[in-house]
PDB file of N, CA and C in Angstrom:
ATOM      1  N   UNK A   1     137.916  63.891  34.124  1.00  0.00           N
ATOM      2  CA  UNK A   1     137.111  62.777  34.579  1.00  0.00           C
ATOM      3  C   UNK A   1     137.591  61.501  33.903  1.00  0.00           C
ATOM      4  N   UNK A   2     137.665  60.460  34.699  1.00  0.00           N
ATOM      5  CA  UNK A   2     138.032  59.146  34.173  1.00  0.00           C
ATOM      6  C   UNK A   2     136.987  58.134  34.591  1.00  0.00           C
ATOM      7  N   UNK A   3     136.614  57.277  33.661  1.00  0.00           N
ATOM      8  CA  UNK A   3     135.627  56.255  33.952  1.00  0.00           C
ATOM      9  C   UNK A   3     136.180  54.905  33.551  1.00  0.00           C
ATOM     10  N   UNK A   4     136.022  53.921  34.439  1.00  0.00           N
ATOM     11  CA  UNK A   4     136.464  52.564  34.168  1.00  0.00           C
ATOM     12  C   UNK A   4     135.220  51.712  33.974  1.00  0.00           C
ATOM     13  N   UNK A   5     134.893  51.435  32.727  1.00  0.00           N
ATOM     14  CA  UNK A   5     133.655  50.743  32.414  1.00  0.00           C
ATOM     15  C   UNK A   5     133.671  49.270  32.804  1.00  0.00           C
ATOM     16  N   UNK A   6     134.804  48.730  33.157  1.00  0.00           N
ATOM     17  CA  UNK A   6     134.900  47.328  33.560  1.00  0.00           C
ATOM     18  C   UNK A   6     134.922  47.163  35.073  1.00  0.00           C
ATOM     19  N   UNK A   7     134.917  48.260  35.788  1.00  0.00           N
ATOM     20  CA  UNK A   7     135.014  48.240  37.243  1.00  0.00           C
ATOM     21  C   UNK A   7     133.695  47.785  37.869  1.00  0.00           C
ATOM     22  N   UNK A   8     133.759  47.353  39.114  1.00  0.00           N
ATOM     23  CA  UNK A   8     132.565  46.907  39.826  1.00  0.00           C
ATOM     24  C   UNK A   8     131.648  48.071  40.229  1.00  0.00           C
ATOM     25  N   UNK A   9     132.166  49.290  40.183  1.00  0.00           N
ATOM     26  CA  UNK A   9     131.379  50.461  40.567  1.00  0.00           C
ATOM     27  C   UNK A   9     130.493  50.863  39.387  1.00  0.00           C
ATOM     28  N   UNK A  10     129.179  51.014  39.610  1.00  0.00           N
ATOM     29  CA  UNK A  10     128.297  51.413  38.512  1.00  0.00           C
ATOM     30  C   UNK A  10     128.730  52.757  37.905  1.00  0.00           C
ATOM     31  N   UNK A  11     128.477  52.921  36.618  1.00  0.00           N
ATOM     32  CA  UNK A  11     128.897  54.136  35.905  1.00  0.00           C
ATOM     33  C   UNK A  11     128.269  55.384  36.527  1.00  0.00           C
ATOM     34  N   UNK A  12     126.990  55.321  36.898  1.00  0.00           N
ATOM     35  CA  UNK A  12     126.357  56.511  37.489  1.00  0.00           C
ATOM     36  C   UNK A  12     127.080  56.924  38.773  1.00  0.00           C
ATOM     37  N   UNK A  13     127.551  55.938  39.558  1.00  0.00           N
ATOM     38  CA  UNK A  13     128.299  56.246  40.783  1.00  0.00           C
ATOM     39  C   UNK A  13     129.652  56.836  40.437  1.00  0.00           C
ATOM     40  N   UNK A  14     130.276  56.349  39.359  1.00  0.00           N
ATOM     41  CA  UNK A  14     131.551  56.914  38.914  1.00  0.00           C
ATOM     42  C   UNK A  14     131.372  58.360  38.465  1.00  0.00           C
ATOM     43  N   UNK A  15     130.245  58.662  37.821  1.00  0.00           N
ATOM     44  CA  UNK A  15     129.945  60.048  37.419  1.00  0.00           C
ATOM     45  C   UNK A  15     129.846  60.914  38.673  1.00  0.00           C
ATOM     46  N   UNK A  16     129.069  60.464  39.654  1.00  0.00           N
ATOM     47  CA  UNK A  16     128.915  61.216  40.905  1.00  0.00           C
ATOM     48  C   UNK A  16     130.268  61.384  41.599  1.00  0.00           C
ATOM     49  N   UNK A  17     131.066  60.316  41.648  1.00  0.00           N
ATOM     50  CA  UNK A  17     132.389  60.391  42.278  1.00  0.00           C
ATOM     51  C   UNK A  17     133.296  61.389  41.559  1.00  0.00           C
ATOM     52  N   UNK A  18     133.225  61.414  40.222  1.00  0.00           N
ATOM     53  CA  UNK A  18     134.063  62.335  39.446  1.00  0.00           C
ATOM     54  C   UNK A  18     133.690  63.782  39.731  1.00  0.00           C
ATOM     55  N   UNK A  19     132.400  64.060  39.836  1.00  0.00           N
ATOM     56  CA  UNK A  19     131.959  65.421  40.172  1.00  0.00           C
ATOM     57  C   UNK A  19     132.404  65.766  41.591  1.00  0.00           C
ATOM     58  N   UNK A  20     132.241  64.825  42.516  1.00  0.00           N
ATOM     59  CA  UNK A  20     132.700  65.046  43.895  1.00  0.00           C
ATOM     60  C   UNK A  20     134.198  65.355  43.925  1.00  0.00           C
ATOM     61  N   UNK A  21     134.984  64.565  43.188  1.00  0.00           N
ATOM     62  CA  UNK A  21     136.426  64.795  43.139  1.00  0.00           C
ATOM     63  C   UNK A  21     136.735  66.187  42.593  1.00  0.00           C
ATOM     64  N   UNK A  22     136.006  66.592  41.564  1.00  0.00           N
ATOM     65  CA  UNK A  22     136.196  67.930  40.990  1.00  0.00           C
ATOM     66  C   UNK A  22     135.898  69.033  41.984  1.00  0.00           C
ATOM     67  N   UNK A  23     134.879  68.823  42.805  1.00  0.00           N
ATOM     68  CA  UNK A  23     134.538  69.811  43.840  1.00  0.00           C
ATOM     69  C   UNK A  23     135.646  69.860  44.891  1.00  0.00           C
ATOM     70  N   UNK A  24     136.090  68.690  45.339  1.00  0.00           N
ATOM     71  CA  UNK A  24     137.133  68.638  46.366  1.00  0.00           C
ATOM     72  C   UNK A  24     138.463  69.217  45.883  1.00  0.00           C
ATOM     73  N   UNK A  25     138.765  69.048  44.590  1.00  0.00           N
ATOM     74  CA  UNK A  25     140.012  69.568  44.020  1.00  0.00           C
ATOM     75  C   UNK A  25     139.918  71.042  43.638  1.00  0.00           C
ATOM     76  N   UNK A  26     138.727  71.621  43.753  1.00  0.00           N
ATOM     77  CA  UNK A  26     138.553  73.027  43.412  1.00  0.00           C
ATOM     78  C   UNK A  26     138.301  73.275  41.935  1.00  0.00           C
ATOM     79  N   UNK A  27     138.093  72.224  41.153  1.00  0.00           N
ATOM     80  CA  UNK A  27     137.778  72.390  39.732  1.00  0.00           C
ATOM     81  C   UNK A  27     136.386  73.002  39.590  1.00  0.00           C
ATOM     82  N   UNK A  28     135.461  72.555  40.434  1.00  0.00           N
ATOM     83  CA  UNK A  28     134.108  73.098  40.455  1.00  0.00           C
ATOM     84  C   UNK A  28     133.908  73.788  41.804  1.00  0.00           C
ATOM     85  N   UNK A  29     133.931  75.095  41.784  1.00  0.00           N
ATOM     86  CA  UNK A  29     133.755  75.884  43.004  1.00  0.00           C
ATOM     87  C   UNK A  29     132.276  75.938  43.378  1.00  0.00           C
ATOM     88  N   UNK A  30     132.019  76.227  44.641  1.00  0.00           N
ATOM     89  CA  UNK A  30     130.645  76.359  45.099  1.00  0.00           C
ATOM     90  C   UNK A  30     129.952  77.494  44.350  1.00  0.00           C
ATOM     91  N   UNK A  31     128.694  77.251  44.025  1.00  0.00           N
ATOM     92  CA  UNK A  31     127.832  78.188  43.289  1.00  0.00           C
ATOM     93  C   UNK A  31     128.272  78.389  41.831  1.00  0.00           C
ATOM     94  N   UNK A  32     129.090  77.480  41.298  1.00  0.00           N
ATOM     95  CA  UNK A  32     129.445  77.538  39.874  1.00  0.00           C
ATOM     96  C   UNK A  32     128.841  76.337  39.159  1.00  0.00           C
ATOM     97  N   UNK A  33     128.698  76.478  37.858  1.00  0.00           N
ATOM     98  CA  UNK A  33     128.071  75.442  37.050  1.00  0.00           C
ATOM     99  C   UNK A  33     129.036  74.295  36.780  1.00  0.00           C
ATOM    100  N   UNK A  34     128.486  73.088  36.770  1.00  0.00           N
ATOM    101  CA  UNK A  34     129.258  71.895  36.408  1.00  0.00           C
ATOM    102  C   UNK A  34     128.917  71.536  34.960  1.00  0.00           C
ATOM    103  N   UNK A  35     129.699  70.664  34.330  1.00  0.00           N
ATOM    104  CA  UNK A  35     129.368  70.260  32.957  1.00  0.00           C
ATOM    105  C   UNK A  35     127.952  69.671  32.877  1.00  0.00           C
ATOM    106  N   UNK A  36     127.315  69.875  31.758  1.00  0.00           N
ATOM    107  CA  UNK A  36     125.945  69.390  31.575  1.00  0.00           C
ATOM    108  C   UNK A  36     125.921  67.886  31.337  1.00  0.00           C
ATOM    109  N   UNK A  37     124.735  67.333  31.471  1.00  0.00           N
ATOM    110  CA  UNK A  37     124.520  65.918  31.168  1.00  0.00           C
ATOM    111  C   UNK A  37     124.973  65.618  29.750  1.00  0.00           C
ATOM    112  N   UNK A  38     124.596  66.485  28.821  1.00  0.00           N
ATOM    113  CA  UNK A  38     124.954  66.287  27.415  1.00  0.00           C
ATOM    114  C   UNK A  38     126.464  66.320  27.216  1.00  0.00           C
ATOM    115  N   UNK A  39     127.137  67.306  27.820  1.00  0.00           N
ATOM    116  CA  UNK A  39     128.594  67.404  27.688  1.00  0.00           C
ATOM    117  C   UNK A  39     129.278  66.118  28.154  1.00  0.00           C
ATOM    118  N   UNK A  40     128.892  65.649  29.313  1.00  0.00           N
ATOM    119  CA  UNK A  40     129.530  64.441  29.866  1.00  0.00           C
ATOM    120  C   UNK A  40     129.190  63.228  29.019  1.00  0.00           C
ATOM    121  N   UNK A  41     127.926  63.099  28.633  1.00  0.00           N
ATOM    122  CA  UNK A  41     127.533  61.909  27.863  1.00  0.00           C
ATOM    123  C   UNK A  41     128.200  61.879  26.498  1.00  0.00           C
ATOM    124  N   UNK A  42     128.350  63.028  25.848  1.00  0.00           N
ATOM    125  CA  UNK A  42     129.006  63.074  24.536  1.00  0.00           C
ATOM    126  C   UNK A  42     130.509  62.864  24.672  1.00  0.00           C
ATOM    127  N   UNK A  43     131.141  63.582  25.604  1.00  0.00           N
ATOM    128  CA  UNK A  43     132.595  63.499  25.759  1.00  0.00           C
ATOM    129  C   UNK A  43     133.080  62.128  26.203  1.00  0.00           C
ATOM    130  N   UNK A  44     132.285  61.433  27.004  1.00  0.00           N
ATOM    131  CA  UNK A  44     132.728  60.153  27.558  1.00  0.00           C
ATOM    132  C   UNK A  44     131.917  58.963  27.045  1.00  0.00           C
ATOM    133  N   UNK A  45     131.021  59.245  26.098  1.00  0.00           N
ATOM    134  CA  UNK A  45     130.200  58.193  25.483  1.00  0.00           C
ATOM    135  C   UNK A  45     129.433  57.386  26.545  1.00  0.00           C
ATOM    136  N   UNK A  46     128.751  58.135  27.399  1.00  0.00           N
ATOM    137  CA  UNK A  46     127.927  57.556  28.455  1.00  0.00           C
ATOM    138  C   UNK A  46     126.478  57.919  28.160  1.00  0.00           C
ATOM    139  N   UNK A  47     125.583  56.987  28.387  1.00  0.00           N
ATOM    140  CA  UNK A  47     124.161  57.242  28.194  1.00  0.00           C
ATOM    141  C   UNK A  47     123.738  58.446  29.051  1.00  0.00           C
ATOM    142  N   UNK A  48     123.007  59.409  28.470  1.00  0.00           N
ATOM    143  CA  UNK A  48     122.568  60.578  29.247  1.00  0.00           C
ATOM    144  C   UNK A  48     121.751  60.212  30.488  1.00  0.00           C
ATOM    145  N   UNK A  49     120.973  59.143  30.423  1.00  0.00           N
ATOM    146  CA  UNK A  49     120.196  58.720  31.593  1.00  0.00           C
ATOM    147  C   UNK A  49     121.118  58.276  32.733  1.00  0.00           C
ATOM    148  N   UNK A  50     122.246  57.670  32.380  1.00  0.00           N
ATOM    149  CA  UNK A  50     123.216  57.240  33.390  1.00  0.00           C
ATOM    150  C   UNK A  50     123.852  58.452  34.053  1.00  0.00           C
ATOM    151  N   UNK A  51     124.214  59.449  33.244  1.00  0.00           N
ATOM    152  CA  UNK A  51     124.770  60.691  33.792  1.00  0.00           C
ATOM    153  C   UNK A  51     123.734  61.354  34.689  1.00  0.00           C
ATOM    154  N   UNK A  52     122.495  61.397  34.220  1.00  0.00           N
ATOM    155  CA  UNK A  52     121.414  61.987  35.013  1.00  0.00           C
ATOM    156  C   UNK A  52     121.220  61.289  36.343  1.00  0.00           C
ATOM    157  N   UNK A  53     121.373  59.972  36.355  1.00  0.00           N
ATOM    158  CA  UNK A  53     121.245  59.212  37.603  1.00  0.00           C
ATOM    159  C   UNK A  53     122.355  59.607  38.583  1.00  0.00           C
ATOM    160  N   UNK A  54     123.566  59.802  38.059  1.00  0.00           N
ATOM    161  CA  UNK A  54     124.670  60.262  38.903  1.00  0.00           C
ATOM    162  C   UNK A  54     124.412  61.649  39.460  1.00  0.00           C
ATOM    163  N   UNK A  55     123.876  62.536  38.603  1.00  0.00           N
ATOM    164  CA  UNK A  55     123.528  63.882  39.052  1.00  0.00           C
ATOM    165  C   UNK A  55     122.431  63.840  40.120  1.00  0.00           C
ATOM    166  N   UNK A  56     121.410  63.002  39.895  1.00  0.00           N
ATOM    167  CA  UNK A  56     120.313  62.901  40.859  1.00  0.00           C
ATOM    168  C   UNK A  56     120.795  62.433  42.224  1.00  0.00           C
ATOM    169  N   UNK A  57     121.783  61.559  42.223  1.00  0.00           N
ATOM    170  CA  UNK A  57     122.373  61.109  43.478  1.00  0.00           C
ATOM    171  C   UNK A  57     122.969  62.300  44.240  1.00  0.00           C
ATOM    172  N   UNK A  58     123.690  63.152  43.515  1.00  0.00           N
ATOM    173  CA  UNK A  58     124.313  64.327  44.137  1.00  0.00           C
ATOM    174  C   UNK A  58     123.271  65.366  44.552  1.00  0.00           C
ATOM    175  N   UNK A  59     122.197  65.477  43.800  1.00  0.00           N
ATOM    176  CA  UNK A  59     121.111  66.385  44.174  1.00  0.00           C
ATOM    177  C   UNK A  59     120.478  65.911  45.479  1.00  0.00           C
ATOM    178  N   UNK A  60     120.246  64.599  45.589  1.00  0.00           N
ATOM    179  CA  UNK A  60     119.622  64.056  46.801  1.00  0.00           C
ATOM    180  C   UNK A  60     120.505  64.248  48.031  1.00  0.00           C
ATOM    181  N   UNK A  61     121.828  64.331  47.810  1.00  0.00           N
ATOM    182  CA  UNK A  61     122.771  64.557  48.919  1.00  0.00           C
ATOM    183  C   UNK A  61     123.044  66.044  49.137  1.00  0.00           C
ATOM    184  N   UNK A  62     122.355  66.900  48.369  1.00  0.00           N
ATOM    185  CA  UNK A  62     122.500  68.362  48.443  1.00  0.00           C
ATOM    186  C   UNK A  62     123.929  68.812  48.176  1.00  0.00           C
ATOM    187  N   UNK A  63     124.551  68.163  47.173  1.00  0.00           N
ATOM    188  CA  UNK A  63     125.893  68.539  46.724  1.00  0.00           C
ATOM    189  C   UNK A  63     125.783  69.465  45.513  1.00  0.00           C
ATOM    190  N   UNK A  64     124.810  69.178  44.646  1.00  0.00           N
ATOM    191  CA  UNK A  64     124.533  70.045  43.494  1.00  0.00           C
ATOM    192  C   UNK A  64     123.038  70.345  43.465  1.00  0.00           C
ATOM    193  N   UNK A  65     122.680  71.389  42.724  1.00  0.00           N
ATOM    194  CA  UNK A  65     121.268  71.730  42.556  1.00  0.00           C
ATOM    195  C   UNK A  65     121.040  72.193  41.125  1.00  0.00           C
ATOM    196  N   UNK A  66     119.796  72.134  40.711  1.00  0.00           N
ATOM    197  CA  UNK A  66     119.437  72.483  39.338  1.00  0.00           C
ATOM    198  C   UNK A  66     118.812  73.864  39.280  1.00  0.00           C
ATOM    199  N   UNK A  67     119.300  74.678  38.333  1.00  0.00           N
ATOM    200  CA  UNK A  67     118.640  75.939  38.005  1.00  0.00           C
ATOM    201  C   UNK A  67     117.887  75.677  36.710  1.00  0.00           C
ATOM    202  N   UNK A  68     116.575  75.719  36.791  1.00  0.00           N
ATOM    203  CA  UNK A  68     115.735  75.397  35.652  1.00  0.00           C
ATOM    204  C   UNK A  68     116.123  76.199  34.415  1.00  0.00           C
ATOM    205  N   UNK A  69     116.398  75.453  33.339  1.00  0.00           N
ATOM    206  CA  UNK A  69     116.730  76.083  32.076  1.00  0.00           C
ATOM    207  C   UNK A  69     118.174  76.556  31.964  1.00  0.00           C
ATOM    208  N   UNK A  70     118.950  76.408  33.032  1.00  0.00           N
ATOM    209  CA  UNK A  70     120.340  76.878  33.022  1.00  0.00           C
ATOM    210  C   UNK A  70     121.317  75.720  33.159  1.00  0.00           C
ATOM    211  N   UNK A  71     121.116  74.877  34.169  1.00  0.00           N
ATOM    212  CA  UNK A  71     122.013  73.747  34.382  1.00  0.00           C
ATOM    213  C   UNK A  71     122.164  73.395  35.844  1.00  0.00           C
ATOM    214  N   UNK A  72     123.197  72.612  36.116  1.00  0.00           N
ATOM    215  CA  UNK A  72     123.471  72.125  37.465  1.00  0.00           C
ATOM    216  C   UNK A  72     124.609  72.943  38.083  1.00  0.00           C
ATOM    217  N   UNK A  73     124.456  73.253  39.365  1.00  0.00           N
ATOM    218  CA  UNK A  73     125.413  74.083  40.082  1.00  0.00           C
ATOM    219  C   UNK A  73     125.807  73.421  41.397  1.00  0.00           C
ATOM    220  N   UNK A  74     127.016  73.739  41.865  1.00  0.00           N
ATOM    221  CA  UNK A  74     127.513  73.216  43.133  1.00  0.00           C
ATOM    222  C   UNK A  74     126.869  73.996  44.272  1.00  0.00           C
ATOM    223  N   UNK A  75     126.324  73.281  45.232  1.00  0.00           N
ATOM    224  CA  UNK A  75     125.692  73.903  46.393  1.00  0.00           C
ATOM    225  C   UNK A  75     126.723  74.601  47.279  1.00  0.00           C
ATOM    226  N   UNK A  76     126.280  75.643  47.925  1.00  0.00           N
ATOM    227  CA  UNK A  76     127.102  76.290  48.939  1.00  0.00           C
ATOM    228  C   UNK A  76     127.310  75.291  50.079  1.00  0.00           C
ATOM    229  N   UNK A  77     128.524  75.147  50.540  1.00  0.00           N
ATOM    230  CA  UNK A  77     128.845  74.214  51.615  1.00  0.00           C
ATOM    231  C   UNK A  77     129.112  72.787  51.147  1.00  0.00           C
ATOM    232  N   UNK A  78     129.067  72.562  49.826  1.00  0.00           N
ATOM    233  CA  UNK A  78     129.247  71.208  49.290  1.00  0.00           C
ATOM    234  C   UNK A  78     130.634  70.650  49.590  1.00  0.00           C
ATOM    235  N   UNK A  79     131.655  71.490  49.486  1.00  0.00           N
ATOM    236  CA  UNK A  79     133.018  71.002  49.692  1.00  0.00           C
ATOM    237  C   UNK A  79     133.202  70.472  51.114  1.00  0.00           C
ATOM    238  N   UNK A  80     132.731  71.210  52.087  1.00  0.00           N
ATOM    239  CA  UNK A  80     132.859  70.766  53.485  1.00  0.00           C
ATOM    240  C   UNK A  80     132.027  69.515  53.738  1.00  0.00           C
ATOM    241  N   UNK A  81     130.841  69.454  53.143  1.00  0.00           N
ATOM    242  CA  UNK A  81     129.983  68.279  53.295  1.00  0.00           C
ATOM    243  C   UNK A  81     130.674  67.045  52.712  1.00  0.00           C
ATOM    244  N   UNK A  82     131.316  67.223  51.549  1.00  0.00           N
ATOM    245  CA  UNK A  82     132.028  66.103  50.923  1.00  0.00           C
ATOM    246  C   UNK A  82     133.247  65.684  51.728  1.00  0.00           C
ATOM    247  N   UNK A  83     133.975  66.663  52.278  1.00  0.00           N
ATOM    248  CA  UNK A  83     135.130  66.321  53.116  1.00  0.00           C
ATOM    249  C   UNK A  83     134.690  65.464  54.302  1.00  0.00           C
ATOM    250  N   UNK A  84     133.598  65.859  54.929  1.00  0.00           N
ATOM    251  CA  UNK A  84     133.098  65.112  56.083  1.00  0.00           C
ATOM    252  C   UNK A  84     132.660  63.711  55.660  1.00  0.00           C
ATOM    253  N   UNK A  85     131.969  63.613  54.539  1.00  0.00           N
ATOM    254  CA  UNK A  85     131.529  62.314  54.021  1.00  0.00           C
ATOM    255  C   UNK A  85     132.724  61.419  53.736  1.00  0.00           C
ATOM    256  N   UNK A  86     133.747  61.978  53.080  1.00  0.00           N
ATOM    257  CA  UNK A  86     134.926  61.180  52.725  1.00  0.00           C
ATOM    258  C   UNK A  86     135.737  60.801  53.959  1.00  0.00           C
ATOM    259  N   UNK A  87     135.806  61.701  54.964  1.00  0.00           N
ATOM    260  CA  UNK A  87     136.507  61.363  56.204  1.00  0.00           C
ATOM    261  C   UNK A  87     135.832  60.184  56.893  1.00  0.00           C
ATOM    262  N   UNK A  88     134.503  60.219  56.945  1.00  0.00           N
ATOM    263  CA  UNK A  88     133.766  59.112  57.567  1.00  0.00           C
ATOM    264  C   UNK A  88     133.992  57.809  56.802  1.00  0.00           C
ATOM    265  N   UNK A  89     133.963  57.896  55.478  1.00  0.00           N
ATOM    266  CA  UNK A  89     134.197  56.706  54.658  1.00  0.00           C
ATOM    267  C   UNK A  89     135.625  56.198  54.861  1.00  0.00           C
ATOM    268  N   UNK A  90     136.589  57.117  54.932  1.00  0.00           N
ATOM    269  CA  UNK A  90     137.986  56.760  55.170  1.00  0.00           C
ATOM    270  C   UNK A  90     138.123  56.008  56.497  1.00  0.00           C
ATOM    271  N   UNK A  91     137.484  56.536  57.529  1.00  0.00           N
ATOM    272  CA  UNK A  91     137.537  55.901  58.845  1.00  0.00           C
ATOM    273  C   UNK A  91     136.941  54.496  58.775  1.00  0.00           C
ATOM    274  N   UNK A  92     135.745  54.401  58.190  1.00  0.00           N
ATOM    275  CA  UNK A  92     135.063  53.104  58.115  1.00  0.00           C
ATOM    276  C   UNK A  92     135.805  52.103  57.228  1.00  0.00           C
ATOM    277  N   UNK A  93     136.336  52.574  56.107  1.00  0.00           N
ATOM    278  CA  UNK A  93     136.954  51.673  55.129  1.00  0.00           C
ATOM    279  C   UNK A  93     138.398  51.318  55.443  1.00  0.00           C
ATOM    280  N   UNK A  94     139.134  52.236  56.034  1.00  0.00           N
ATOM    281  CA  UNK A  94     140.571  52.018  56.212  1.00  0.00           C
ATOM    282  C   UNK A  94     141.003  51.932  57.672  1.00  0.00           C
ATOM    283  N   UNK A  95     140.618  52.888  58.470  1.00  0.00           N
ATOM    284  CA  UNK A  95     141.129  52.957  59.843  1.00  0.00           C
ATOM    285  C   UNK A  95     140.670  51.757  60.670  1.00  0.00           C
ATOM    286  N   UNK A  96     139.389  51.429  60.593  1.00  0.00           N
ATOM    287  CA  UNK A  96     138.902  50.307  61.398  1.00  0.00           C
ATOM    288  C   UNK A  96     139.587  48.998  61.027  1.00  0.00           C
ATOM    289  N   UNK A  97     139.762  48.749  59.729  1.00  0.00           N
ATOM    290  CA  UNK A  97     140.446  47.508  59.320  1.00  0.00           C
ATOM    291  C   UNK A  97     141.930  47.567  59.672  1.00  0.00           C
ATOM    292  N   UNK A  98     142.541  48.741  59.598  1.00  0.00           N
ATOM    293  CA  UNK A  98     143.943  48.901  59.986  1.00  0.00           C
ATOM    294  C   UNK A  98     144.123  48.573  61.462  1.00  0.00           C
ATOM    295  N   UNK A  99     143.249  49.098  62.290  1.00  0.00           N
ATOM    296  CA  UNK A  99     143.331  48.846  63.728  1.00  0.00           C
ATOM    297  C   UNK A  99     143.116  47.362  64.027  1.00  0.00           C
ATOM    298  N   UNK A 100     142.130  46.763  63.377  1.00  0.00           N
ATOM    299  CA  UNK A 100     141.891  45.329  63.589  1.00  0.00           C
ATOM    300  C   UNK A 100     143.122  44.498  63.234  1.00  0.00           C
ATOM    301  N   UNK A 101     143.699  44.785  62.068  1.00  0.00           N
ATOM    302  CA  UNK A 101     144.882  44.024  61.628  1.00  0.00           C
ATOM    303  C   UNK A 101     146.075  44.303  62.550  1.00  0.00           C
ATOM    304  N   UNK A 102     146.249  45.539  62.968  1.00  0.00           N
ATOM    305  CA  UNK A 102     147.346  45.873  63.875  1.00  0.00           C
ATOM    306  C   UNK A 102     147.223  45.111  65.187  1.00  0.00           C
ATOM    307  N   UNK A 103     146.016  45.011  65.692  1.00  0.00           N
ATOM    308  CA  UNK A 103     145.795  44.253  66.933  1.00  0.00           C
ATOM    309  C   UNK A 103     146.158  42.787  66.751  1.00  0.00           C
ATOM    310  N   UNK A 104     145.768  42.214  65.618  1.00  0.00           N
ATOM    311  CA  UNK A 104     146.089  40.805  65.360  1.00  0.00           C
ATOM    312  C   UNK A 104     147.588  40.583  65.283  1.00  0.00           C
ATOM    313  N   UNK A 105     148.309  41.584  64.761  1.00  0.00           N
ATOM    314  CA  UNK A 105     149.753  41.471  64.580  1.00  0.00           C
ATOM    315  C   UNK A 105     150.546  41.967  65.781  1.00  0.00           C
ATOM    316  N   UNK A 106     149.857  42.515  66.772  1.00  0.00           N
ATOM    317  CA  UNK A 106     150.530  43.021  67.955  1.00  0.00           C
ATOM    318  C   UNK A 106     151.281  44.329  67.720  1.00  0.00           C
ATOM    319  N   UNK A 107     150.835  45.101  66.752  1.00  0.00           N
ATOM    320  CA  UNK A 107     151.469  46.396  66.457  1.00  0.00           C
ATOM    321  C   UNK A 107     150.876  47.431  67.401  1.00  0.00           C
ATOM    322  N   UNK A 108     151.737  48.202  68.029  1.00  0.00           N
ATOM    323  CA  UNK A 108     151.281  49.220  68.979  1.00  0.00           C
ATOM    324  C   UNK A 108     150.847  50.487  68.244  1.00  0.00           C
ATOM    325  N   UNK A 109     150.143  51.327  68.968  1.00  0.00           N
ATOM    326  CA  UNK A 109     149.715  52.617  68.407  1.00  0.00           C
ATOM    327  C   UNK A 109     150.933  53.437  68.000  1.00  0.00           C
ATOM    328  N   UNK A 110     151.966  53.432  68.832  1.00  0.00           N
ATOM    329  CA  UNK A 110     153.186  54.185  68.503  1.00  0.00           C
ATOM    330  C   UNK A 110     153.819  53.675  67.209  1.00  0.00           C
ATOM    331  N   UNK A 111     153.829  52.363  67.033  1.00  0.00           N
ATOM    332  CA  UNK A 111     154.391  51.791  65.807  1.00  0.00           C
ATOM    333  C   UNK A 111     153.554  52.184  64.586  1.00  0.00           C
ATOM    334  N   UNK A 112     152.226  52.165  64.751  1.00  0.00           N
ATOM    335  CA  UNK A 112     151.353  52.592  63.647  1.00  0.00           C
ATOM    336  C   UNK A 112     151.628  54.049  63.295  1.00  0.00           C
ATOM    337  N   UNK A 113     151.733  54.884  64.309  1.00  0.00           N
ATOM    338  CA  UNK A 113     151.988  56.319  64.066  1.00  0.00           C
ATOM    339  C   UNK A 113     153.320  56.520  63.337  1.00  0.00           C
ATOM    340  N   UNK A 114     154.344  55.768  63.732  1.00  0.00           N
ATOM    341  CA  UNK A 114     155.639  55.856  63.050  1.00  0.00           C
ATOM    342  C   UNK A 114     155.510  55.447  61.584  1.00  0.00           C
ATOM    343  N   UNK A 115     154.738  54.385  61.334  1.00  0.00           N
ATOM    344  CA  UNK A 115     154.533  53.937  59.958  1.00  0.00           C
ATOM    345  C   UNK A 115     153.809  55.007  59.133  1.00  0.00           C
ATOM    346  N   UNK A 116     152.791  55.599  59.730  1.00  0.00           N
ATOM    347  CA  UNK A 116     152.028  56.641  59.034  1.00  0.00           C
ATOM    348  C   UNK A 116     152.923  57.846  58.748  1.00  0.00           C
ATOM    349  N   UNK A 117     153.693  58.263  59.757  1.00  0.00           N
ATOM    350  CA  UNK A 117     154.606  59.393  59.554  1.00  0.00           C
ATOM    351  C   UNK A 117     155.621  59.079  58.459  1.00  0.00           C
ATOM    352  N   UNK A 118     156.095  57.835  58.421  1.00  0.00           N
ATOM    353  CA  UNK A 118     157.018  57.424  57.371  1.00  0.00           C
ATOM    354  C   UNK A 118     156.364  57.488  55.999  1.00  0.00           C
ATOM    355  N   UNK A 119     155.101  57.114  55.937  1.00  0.00           N
ATOM    356  CA  UNK A 119     154.360  57.181  54.682  1.00  0.00           C
ATOM    357  C   UNK A 119     154.176  58.609  54.194  1.00  0.00           C
ATOM    358  N   UNK A 120     153.929  59.531  55.110  1.00  0.00           N
ATOM    359  CA  UNK A 120     153.799  60.939  54.737  1.00  0.00           C
ATOM    360  C   UNK A 120     155.124  61.490  54.238  1.00  0.00           C
ATOM    361  N   UNK A 121     156.212  60.949  54.729  1.00  0.00           N
ATOM    362  CA  UNK A 121     157.534  61.397  54.299  1.00  0.00           C
ATOM    363  C   UNK A 121     157.883  60.965  52.889  1.00  0.00           C
ATOM    364  N   UNK A 122     157.115  60.027  52.331  1.00  0.00           N
ATOM    365  CA  UNK A 122     157.379  59.513  50.981  1.00  0.00           C
ATOM    366  C   UNK A 122     156.653  60.280  49.894  1.00  0.00           C
ATOM    367  N   UNK A 123     156.058  61.397  50.219  1.00  0.00           N
ATOM    368  CA  UNK A 123     155.300  62.168  49.215  1.00  0.00           C
ATOM    369  C   UNK A 123     156.195  62.792  48.193  1.00  0.00           C
TER     370      UNK A 123
END
């Protein structure tokens, strides 16, 4: 987990994003426990209430759930739910603006596809 304390994104959102990234990367599998509020707050010097706020965000989205007295666990189906959420965000944040700019520049769909394919070739 990495946190940028000077970034415009609130720390609690960065905590939630880091857990989401861990789920998507397979670090936290479905139905397995994630690090505790205390672990994250001590390791990264973040206020426990801030970590808790990030966790509560994920609980409200049904990405993680709490087992009383045990800890927080990844919900079944969380990975697919996150993929869908991120795909929608990707479309809204990148694709729509890409299409708008391409139209202004007179770039065709075929040209965009060639550019994208070229970008995939640079991996």
